[in-house]
Structure formats: C-alpha cells, structure tokens
Amino acid sequence: MDGQNLAAMDSGRAAPGYRGCLCLTRHRGGRSSPFGNEREDAIYHRDPKRVEEEVRARLARLSQLKLNRPFVLHVGSHLRRKNRAGVVRIFARTKDHWNAQLVFAGDRLSNDLWTQARARGVADRIIEIGSAESELLEALYNGAHALLFPSRFEGFGWPIAEAQACGCPVLCRGAAPMSEVAGGAALLRDIADEDGFAKDLLRLRDPATREKYRERGLQNARRFSAKKMAEEYLSLYRQLGMAA
C-alpha cells in the first residue's frame, strides 16, 4: 500500500488501491520465496488495479482481518530467537496512537504469549495465521503497513527480502545478517530499543516516509532475484578459478 492508502486506513476508510508490486513466488523448503524464475521486472511492474483486486481477494479469506484498518506483520516460528514477545511489546507501545492490527504468520502463539498480549491490552488486535501458503503470504506482505522483524539472530533473514520484494517496509535489528540483507533499505534498531521500534512503526504513517522505505526496499530486493544471484555466483566461480 502506498501513502494514500495509509492515510485512508488511518482515517478508518478503506484503502483505495495498491501499488503494482505483487510478488512472484517459488517453493523454498516448505516456505515461499518471492524470487522465482520469471522475468525480474514482472515483480515490480504489475498493473496496480489488478494487484489491488488480487491482494484484497486473497486477504478476504481471513475473516478476522479488518481490511479497513492497517496491520503490522510478523513472519516466523515460535523459536525464542524470533523474539515474538518483543513484537508484542513493541506493538503494544503503539496501541494508543492508531487502530492497527498485528498479524503473526507462522507457528501458533503460545499460551504465555497470549497472556502477555492480554496484559498489555492488545490481544483483541492480534490475528494468528498458522500456515500461510504462498499466495496468502504474498498478499500479507503487499497489504501490511510494515514487517516488524526484531529477531535476535538469523541464519539469513528471508522475510526481510521477501517483504521488500513486495513493497513492504521493514523494521529489523541493526546487526548482521539482518542489516546486510536489508541493505540499508530498512529501519534498523538495537534489539533492546523497543521504544525506537515503536516510534519507527508510527513514523511510517507519514506517506513520504513510508514511500521512501518502500522504494528503497524494492530496489534492494533486486539483489536477490534468481538472475542476479546466478550472475554473482558465476562471477565468484570465475574469480576462484583465476585464483587457483
């Protein structure tokens, strides 16, 4: 969603349209990745009206998700390193400033996490999606206000690149490998700076700020297209061959 959509949602109106950036996906180890084998420019130049229709149709399957309100997205499992408790705490810091929802795509929330959410007054805003297939995950990335991804550590951090490829701004930890994957196109914070993460979520309500990170993310995501990565692997192999 672009700034116009955000302004509409913040006022309680339905978002009038999406930018043309619905992702392409391929299966990746039980998860989807927005970097398929089709033409790279197809990721970024879909017809906006068609994208809006596709995204809204897919999200309409989630009866608990209110499409006239913004939502923050987290994608990942219940592993401690994913810092889901931190996601709840960060989101709770913003609750009095907007009527946003919080969507967890991945493992179901633990009873302890639900207890924490109720204690912080945000349980009624949380939506959990136990298994998001490729098309639904694409739509979530396309429709989200932002991906909130304050993981303690990652092997790579695919949701960062996936979100950016779908035009979704990213908030993540300012440490490797997350910061490297984000490529300077995300809002970065120390893992302990939950107040900073909350402020950044609210900053993205500004249309110009959100558009800036949206565009930066789209450009950064091109680094992870199948064609680009193949070219870089080939270049590396050639360098190793010359060094042998």
Protein backbone atom coordinates (compact mmCIF):
# COMPACT_ATOMS: atom_id res chain seq x y z
CA MET A 1 0.00 0.00 0.00
CA ASP A 2 1.25 3.49 -0.76
CA GLY A 3 0.95 6.62 1.33
CA GLN A 4 -2.53 7.39 0.00
CA ASN A 5 -3.71 4.00 1.22
CA LEU A 6 -2.17 4.54 4.64
CA ALA A 7 -3.84 7.90 5.03
CA ALA A 8 -7.15 6.30 4.14
CA MET A 9 -6.72 3.48 6.63
CA ASP A 10 -5.63 5.83 9.42
CA SER A 11 -8.88 7.74 8.91
CA GLY A 12 -10.88 4.49 9.03
CA ARG A 13 -11.69 4.43 5.30
CA ALA A 14 -10.97 1.53 3.02
CA ALA A 15 -7.70 1.77 1.12
CA PRO A 16 -8.42 2.89 -2.47
CA GLY A 17 -5.66 0.94 -4.19
CA TYR A 18 -2.28 -0.78 -4.09
CA ARG A 19 0.93 -0.06 -5.96
CA GLY A 20 1.77 -2.59 -8.66
CA CYS A 21 4.21 -4.86 -6.85
CA LEU A 22 2.61 -8.24 -6.18
CA CYS A 23 5.47 -10.72 -5.81
CA LEU A 24 6.26 -13.83 -7.73
CA THR A 25 6.92 -16.91 -5.62
CA ARG A 26 8.54 -20.29 -5.75
CA HIS A 27 8.61 -23.04 -3.12
CA ARG A 28 11.60 -22.83 -0.77
CA GLY A 29 11.98 -25.55 1.83
CA GLY A 30 8.36 -25.52 2.96
CA ARG A 31 8.11 -21.73 2.63
CA SER A 32 7.56 -19.40 -0.25
CA SER A 33 10.11 -17.03 -1.72
CA PRO A 34 9.25 -14.07 -3.94
CA PHE A 35 12.19 -14.75 -6.23
CA GLY A 36 11.05 -17.06 -8.98
CA ASN A 37 12.37 -17.76 -12.45
CA GLU A 38 10.06 -15.40 -14.32
CA ARG A 39 11.19 -12.05 -15.65
CA GLU A 40 12.57 -9.89 -12.88
CA ASP A 41 10.67 -6.79 -13.94
CA ALA A 42 7.39 -8.68 -13.60
CA ILE A 43 7.81 -8.43 -9.83
CA TYR A 44 7.76 -4.67 -9.88
CA HIS A 45 5.54 -3.60 -12.75
CA ARG A 46 2.19 -5.29 -12.34
CA ASP A 47 -0.96 -3.33 -13.09
CA PRO A 48 -1.96 -1.52 -9.84
CA LYS A 49 -5.67 -2.20 -10.24
CA ARG A 50 -5.10 -5.89 -10.83
CA VAL A 51 -2.74 -6.05 -7.85
CA GLU A 52 -5.35 -4.41 -5.62
CA GLU A 53 -8.00 -6.87 -6.72
CA GLU A 54 -5.74 -9.89 -6.21
CA VAL A 55 -4.47 -8.75 -2.81
CA ARG A 56 -7.91 -7.91 -1.44
CA ALA A 57 -9.36 -11.19 -2.74
CA ARG A 58 -6.65 -13.20 -1.03
CA LEU A 59 -6.86 -11.28 2.24
CA ALA A 60 -10.64 -11.57 2.23
CA ARG A 61 -10.15 -15.26 3.11
CA LEU A 62 -9.09 -14.09 6.58
CA SER A 63 -12.41 -13.32 8.17
CA GLN A 64 -10.76 -11.94 11.32
CA LEU A 65 -8.64 -9.39 9.41
CA LYS A 66 -10.32 -5.99 9.01
CA LEU A 67 -9.24 -4.64 5.65
CA ASN A 68 -10.21 -1.05 6.51
CA ARG A 69 -7.55 -0.97 9.25
CA PRO A 70 -3.75 -1.14 8.90
CA PHE A 71 -1.89 -4.20 10.10
CA VAL A 72 1.67 -4.91 11.16
CA LEU A 73 3.08 -8.25 10.04
CA HIS A 74 5.49 -10.70 11.64
CA VAL A 75 6.57 -13.84 9.77
CA GLY A 76 8.33 -16.64 11.60
CA SER A 77 8.21 -19.51 14.07
CA HIS A 78 7.86 -19.64 17.86
CA LEU A 79 11.62 -20.08 18.38
CA ARG A 80 12.94 -17.78 21.10
CA ARG A 81 15.39 -16.10 18.72
CA LYS A 82 12.44 -14.82 16.67
CA ASN A 83 11.57 -12.55 19.61
CA ARG A 84 7.82 -12.75 19.26
CA ALA A 85 7.44 -11.43 22.81
CA GLY A 86 9.35 -8.36 21.69
CA VAL A 87 6.98 -7.95 18.75
CA VAL A 88 4.02 -7.90 21.14
CA ARG A 89 5.72 -5.40 23.46
CA ILE A 90 6.70 -3.11 20.58
CA PHE A 91 3.23 -3.19 19.07
CA ALA A 92 1.65 -2.55 22.48
CA ARG A 93 3.65 0.67 22.78
CA THR A 94 1.80 2.00 19.71
CA LYS A 95 -1.73 0.93 20.61
CA ASP A 96 -2.95 4.34 21.81
CA HIS A 97 -1.84 6.10 18.62
CA TRP A 98 -3.71 4.15 15.94
CA ASN A 99 -6.18 1.31 15.42
CA ALA A 100 -3.74 -1.12 13.82
CA GLN A 101 -3.85 -4.91 13.95
CA LEU A 102 -0.93 -7.31 14.48
CA VAL A 103 -0.69 -10.39 12.26
CA PHE A 104 1.53 -13.35 13.13
CA ALA A 105 2.13 -15.65 10.15
CA GLY A 106 3.80 -18.90 11.17
CA ASP A 107 3.51 -21.05 14.28
CA ARG A 108 0.57 -20.55 16.58
CA LEU A 109 1.17 -18.27 19.54
CA SER A 110 1.98 -19.88 22.87
CA ASN A 111 -0.36 -19.54 25.83
CA ASP A 112 2.29 -17.43 27.56
CA LEU A 113 2.40 -15.01 24.64
CA TRP A 114 -1.39 -14.68 24.65
CA THR A 115 -1.21 -13.93 28.37
CA GLN A 116 1.33 -11.18 27.71
CA ALA A 117 -0.83 -9.76 24.93
CA ARG A 118 -3.88 -9.64 27.17
CA ALA A 119 -1.87 -7.99 29.95
CA ARG A 120 -0.79 -5.27 27.51
CA GLY A 121 -4.27 -4.75 26.12
CA VAL A 122 -3.60 -5.86 22.55
CA ALA A 123 -4.91 -9.44 22.46
CA ASP A 124 -8.06 -8.33 20.63
CA ARG A 125 -5.92 -6.83 17.87
CA ILE A 126 -3.83 -9.95 17.20
CA ILE A 127 -4.52 -12.31 14.33
CA GLU A 128 -2.59 -15.57 14.01
CA ILE A 129 -2.25 -17.47 10.77
CA GLY A 130 -0.88 -20.91 11.44
CA SER A 131 0.07 -21.75 7.86
CA ALA A 132 0.21 -19.13 5.14
CA GLU A 133 0.56 -20.61 1.69
CA SER A 134 2.49 -18.70 -0.96
CA GLU A 135 -0.40 -16.66 -2.36
CA LEU A 136 -1.67 -15.61 1.06
CA LEU A 137 1.82 -14.72 2.28
CA GLU A 138 2.33 -12.56 -0.82
CA ALA A 139 -0.90 -10.74 -0.10
CA LEU A 140 0.08 -10.20 3.54
CA TYR A 141 3.39 -8.68 2.52
CA ASN A 142 1.66 -6.48 -0.07
CA GLY A 143 -1.03 -5.32 2.32
CA ALA A 144 0.97 -4.82 5.52
CA HIS A 145 1.86 -1.44 6.98
CA ALA A 146 5.29 -2.92 7.69
CA LEU A 147 7.13 -6.12 8.53
CA LEU A 148 8.22 -6.00 12.18
CA PHE A 149 11.18 -8.39 12.45
CA PRO A 150 13.23 -7.81 15.61
CA SER A 151 14.90 -11.23 15.61
CA ARG A 152 17.82 -11.76 17.94
CA PHE A 153 19.73 -13.61 15.22
CA GLU A 154 19.07 -15.32 11.89
CA GLY A 155 20.84 -17.63 9.51
CA PHE A 156 19.85 -15.27 6.70
CA GLY A 157 16.57 -13.46 7.26
CA TRP A 158 14.46 -14.32 4.22
CA PRO A 159 11.31 -12.49 5.39
CA ILE A 160 13.24 -9.20 5.11
CA ALA A 161 13.99 -9.75 1.43
CA GLU A 162 10.54 -11.21 0.77
CA ALA A 163 8.78 -8.21 2.29
CA GLN A 164 10.93 -5.73 0.39
CA ALA A 165 10.24 -7.52 -2.89
CA CYS A 166 6.54 -6.95 -2.23
CA GLY A 167 6.92 -3.25 -1.44
CA CYS A 168 6.54 -3.71 2.31
CA PRO A 169 8.74 -1.51 4.56
CA VAL A 170 10.88 -3.46 7.03
CA LEU A 171 11.87 -2.83 10.65
CA CYS A 172 14.59 -5.16 11.89
CA ARG A 173 17.62 -5.48 14.12
CA GLY A 174 20.63 -3.43 13.07
CA ALA A 175 23.06 -6.37 13.19
CA ALA A 176 24.30 -8.96 10.71
CA PRO A 177 22.93 -10.77 8.86
CA MET A 178 19.62 -8.87 9.10
CA SER A 179 21.18 -5.48 8.35
CA GLU A 180 23.12 -6.96 5.44
CA VAL A 181 20.02 -8.47 3.88
CA ALA A 182 18.13 -5.19 4.42
CA GLY A 183 20.87 -3.41 2.51
CA GLY A 184 20.35 0.00 4.09
CA ALA A 185 16.71 -0.04 2.98
CA ALA A 186 15.10 -0.86 6.35
CA LEU A 187 14.59 0.94 9.64
CA LEU A 188 17.22 -0.58 11.93
CA ARG A 189 17.34 -0.62 15.73
CA ASP A 190 19.25 -2.32 18.52
CA ILE A 191 17.31 -5.33 19.76
CA ALA A 192 16.79 -3.65 23.15
CA ASP A 193 15.44 -0.41 21.68
CA GLU A 194 11.78 -1.40 21.67
CA ASP A 195 10.68 2.20 22.11
CA GLY A 196 12.63 3.07 18.96
CA PHE A 197 10.97 0.27 17.02
CA ALA A 198 7.57 1.54 18.16
CA LYS A 199 8.38 5.09 17.10
CA ASP A 200 9.50 3.83 13.69
CA LEU A 201 6.21 1.97 13.20
CA LEU A 202 4.37 5.22 13.84
CA ARG A 203 6.77 7.20 11.65
CA LEU A 204 5.73 5.04 8.73
CA ARG A 205 2.24 6.52 8.94
CA ASP A 206 3.72 9.53 7.17
CA PRO A 207 3.14 8.93 3.43
CA ALA A 208 6.50 10.35 2.31
CA THR A 209 8.47 8.35 4.87
CA ARG A 210 6.71 5.12 4.03
CA GLU A 211 7.13 5.63 0.30
CA LYS A 212 10.86 6.25 0.78
CA TYR A 213 11.40 2.92 2.54
CA ARG A 214 9.07 1.15 0.18
CA GLU A 215 11.08 2.27 -2.86
CA ARG A 216 14.41 1.57 -1.17
CA GLY A 217 13.23 -1.91 -0.32
CA LEU A 218 12.11 -2.67 -3.85
CA GLN A 219 15.50 -1.62 -5.19
CA ASN A 220 17.37 -3.67 -2.58
CA ALA A 221 15.25 -6.76 -3.26
CA ARG A 222 16.55 -6.86 -6.82
CA ARG A 223 19.82 -8.14 -5.38
CA PHE A 224 18.08 -11.41 -4.54
CA SER A 225 16.40 -12.13 -7.86
CA ALA A 226 17.26 -15.53 -9.34
CA LYS A 227 19.02 -13.88 -12.29
CA LYS A 228 21.09 -11.53 -10.13
CA MET A 229 22.20 -14.24 -7.71
CA ALA A 230 23.13 -16.57 -10.58
CA GLU A 231 25.27 -13.83 -12.11
CA GLU A 232 27.04 -13.22 -8.81
CA TYR A 233 27.68 -16.92 -8.24
CA LEU A 234 29.12 -17.19 -11.74
CA SER A 235 31.36 -14.19 -11.10
CA LEU A 236 32.58 -15.75 -7.85
CA TYR A 237 33.36 -19.07 -9.53
CA ARG A 238 35.35 -17.26 -12.22
CA GLN A 239 37.32 -15.35 -9.58
CA LEU A 240 38.09 -18.57 -7.72
CA GLY A 241 39.14 -20.20 -10.99
CA MET A 242 41.57 -17.40 -11.79
CA ALA A 243 43.00 -17.53 -8.27
CA ALA A 244 43.63 -21.28 -8.45
